[in-house]
Protein backbone atom coordinates (compact mmCIF):
# COMPACT_ATOMS: atom_id res chain seq x y z
CA MET A 1 101.16 -18.44 -16.77
CA SER A 2 99.11 -15.77 -18.48
CA ASP A 3 97.40 -14.92 -15.14
CA ASP A 4 100.81 -14.27 -13.53
CA ARG A 5 101.86 -12.15 -16.48
CA ARG A 6 98.58 -10.21 -16.43
CA SER A 7 98.83 -9.47 -12.65
CA PHE A 8 102.48 -8.42 -13.09
CA LEU A 9 101.50 -5.97 -15.85
CA GLU A 10 98.66 -4.60 -13.69
CA ARG A 11 101.09 -3.98 -10.82
CA LEU A 12 103.60 -2.45 -13.23
CA ILE A 13 101.02 0.09 -14.40
CA LEU A 14 99.21 0.72 -11.10
CA ALA A 15 102.29 1.24 -8.91
CA PRO A 16 103.58 4.37 -10.76
CA ALA A 17 100.03 5.71 -11.06
CA ALA A 18 99.53 5.33 -7.29
CA LEU A 19 102.89 6.99 -6.63
CA MET A 20 101.97 9.96 -8.86
CA ALA A 21 98.55 10.30 -7.17
CA ALA A 22 100.15 10.28 -3.71
CA THR A 23 102.70 12.90 -4.80
CA LEU A 24 99.99 15.18 -6.24
CA ALA A 25 97.88 14.80 -3.10
CA GLY A 26 100.88 15.76 -0.94
CA LEU A 27 101.62 18.83 -3.10
CA ALA A 28 97.98 19.91 -3.00
CA GLY A 29 97.95 19.58 0.78
CA PHE A 30 101.17 21.56 1.12
CA ALA A 31 99.88 24.36 -1.13
CA SER A 32 96.52 24.62 0.65
CA VAL A 33 97.87 24.94 4.19
CA PRO A 34 98.35 28.63 5.08
CA LYS A 35 101.81 29.78 6.05
CA ALA A 36 102.34 30.34 9.75
CA GLN A 37 102.32 34.04 10.55
CA ASP A 38 105.47 35.53 12.01
CA THR A 39 104.17 37.43 15.02
CA ALA A 40 107.56 38.39 16.42
CA LYS A 41 108.03 42.11 16.79
CA ARG A 42 111.03 43.73 15.16
CA TRP A 43 112.88 46.98 15.69
CA ARG A 44 112.71 49.34 12.69
CA LYS A 45 114.81 52.44 12.09
CA ALA A 46 112.55 55.48 12.27
CA THR A 47 114.94 58.44 12.14
CA SER A 48 118.27 59.68 13.38
CA MET A 49 118.38 61.34 16.78
CA PHE A 50 120.13 64.24 15.03
CA ASP A 51 117.16 64.79 12.68
CA LEU A 52 114.64 64.95 15.52
CA GLY A 53 113.82 68.55 16.36
CA ASN A 54 111.87 70.02 19.26
CA LYS A 55 108.48 68.75 18.02
CA PRO A 56 107.03 65.34 17.10
CA MET A 57 108.28 64.06 13.74
CA LEU A 58 105.98 62.17 11.37
CA VAL A 59 107.62 58.96 10.13
CA VAL A 60 106.32 56.28 7.75
CA LEU A 61 107.63 52.80 8.54
CA ALA A 62 107.20 50.24 5.75
CA GLU A 63 107.29 46.49 6.25
CA ARG A 64 107.40 43.86 3.54
CA HIS A 65 105.38 40.69 4.00
CA GLN A 66 105.91 37.76 1.66
CA ASP A 67 103.77 34.65 1.41
CA GLY A 68 105.04 32.45 -1.38
CA TRP A 69 104.87 34.53 -4.54
CA TYR A 70 102.53 37.10 -3.00
CA GLU A 71 104.21 40.16 -1.51
CA THR A 72 102.56 43.07 0.28
CA ARG A 73 103.86 46.23 1.90
CA GLN A 74 102.32 47.44 5.10
CA GLN A 75 102.87 51.01 6.23
CA THR A 76 102.69 52.21 9.81
CA VAL A 77 102.65 55.97 10.35
CA VAL A 78 103.97 57.18 13.70
CA PHE A 79 105.05 60.35 15.44
CA VAL A 80 108.50 60.05 17.02
CA ASP A 81 109.29 62.45 19.85
CA LYS A 82 111.35 62.85 23.00
CA ASP A 83 109.53 61.69 26.11
CA GLU A 84 108.72 63.83 29.15
CA THR A 85 112.13 63.24 30.73
CA GLY A 86 113.98 64.46 27.63
CA LYS A 87 116.29 61.44 27.86
CA GLY A 88 114.11 58.79 26.21
CA TYR A 89 111.94 58.58 23.12
CA ARG A 90 108.35 57.68 22.35
CA ALA A 91 106.46 56.68 19.23
CA LEU A 92 102.73 57.35 18.91
CA SER A 93 100.46 56.02 16.19
CA ALA A 94 99.25 58.72 13.78
CA THR A 95 95.85 57.00 13.64
CA CYS A 96 93.04 58.40 15.78
CA THR A 97 91.59 55.94 18.27
CA HIS A 98 88.05 57.13 17.52
CA LEU A 99 87.46 56.09 13.89
CA GLY A 100 90.93 55.67 12.45
CA CYS A 101 91.43 59.05 10.78
CA GLY A 102 94.93 60.48 10.39
CA VAL A 103 96.08 62.71 13.24
CA SER A 104 98.30 65.74 12.64
CA TRP A 105 100.51 67.85 14.90
CA ASP A 106 99.44 71.47 15.44
CA ASP A 107 102.51 73.58 16.26
CA ALA A 108 100.49 76.59 17.45
CA LYS A 109 98.50 74.57 19.98
CA SER A 110 101.21 71.97 20.71
CA GLN A 111 98.59 69.24 20.35
CA PHE A 112 97.64 66.42 18.03
CA ILE A 113 94.41 67.16 16.18
CA CYS A 114 92.09 64.72 14.42
CA PRO A 115 90.32 66.62 11.62
CA CYS A 116 87.43 64.13 11.27
CA HIS A 117 85.60 64.68 14.56
CA LYS A 118 87.78 67.26 16.33
CA GLY A 119 89.54 64.85 18.64
CA VAL A 120 92.45 66.47 20.51
CA PHE A 121 95.42 64.75 22.17
CA ASP A 122 98.26 66.25 24.19
CA ARG A 123 101.91 65.75 23.27
CA SER A 124 102.13 62.47 25.20
CA GLY A 125 99.05 61.08 23.40
CA ARG A 126 96.43 61.49 26.16
CA VAL A 127 92.92 62.58 25.16
CA VAL A 128 92.27 66.28 25.83
CA SER A 129 88.84 66.60 24.24
CA GLY A 130 86.50 65.15 21.66
CA PRO A 131 85.19 61.67 21.02
CA PRO A 132 88.36 59.49 21.10
CA PRO A 133 87.70 56.72 23.66
CA ARG A 134 91.34 56.21 24.64
CA PRO A 135 94.83 57.69 24.24
CA MET A 136 96.86 57.36 21.05
CA ASP A 137 98.43 53.94 20.58
CA ARG A 138 102.06 53.72 21.68
CA PHE A 139 104.94 51.76 20.23
CA GLU A 140 108.17 50.97 22.03
CA ALA A 141 110.97 53.31 20.97
CA ARG A 142 114.67 53.21 21.76
CA LEU A 143 117.95 54.82 20.82
CA ASN A 144 120.46 52.58 19.10
CA GLU A 145 123.67 53.70 20.81
CA LYS A 146 125.90 52.37 18.02
CA THR A 147 124.20 54.18 15.13
CA GLY A 148 122.41 57.11 16.78
CA ASP A 149 119.14 55.96 15.21
CA ILE A 150 115.79 56.00 16.96
CA GLU A 151 114.16 52.62 16.44
CA VAL A 152 110.49 51.68 16.82
CA GLN A 153 109.28 48.18 17.61
CA LEU A 154 106.54 46.92 15.29
């Protein structure tokens, strides 16, 4: 009878210990697996169509990314402007395609200028001169008819 009692006590102690070990292993596995990245693009308000003048407007778009307790803010700097037709809108990245320097708009020349290596882009983002290997990056832009806001897709 003492063997039955001893095996019963062993099972009584080992069963909860095994359950706790399995639970901890599951939690460790859940915590170590990276969160799936949300790659869906979203429309962000850039500016009001009424605030946009007759030259490209520099706009900083901030996005919040949260992964568990860790939160970061990513900023995308773009120039919002009317397109060639005058009826639509365009958004161009304010980052030079050569080495990633910040591009600025020169009113006198009506061009985008990169101060780092003298890259020059026209108003639509095409390379005019200098070392940039390709045009400025474009983002989709649209007018929200309900609010009058120009939105950029990031």
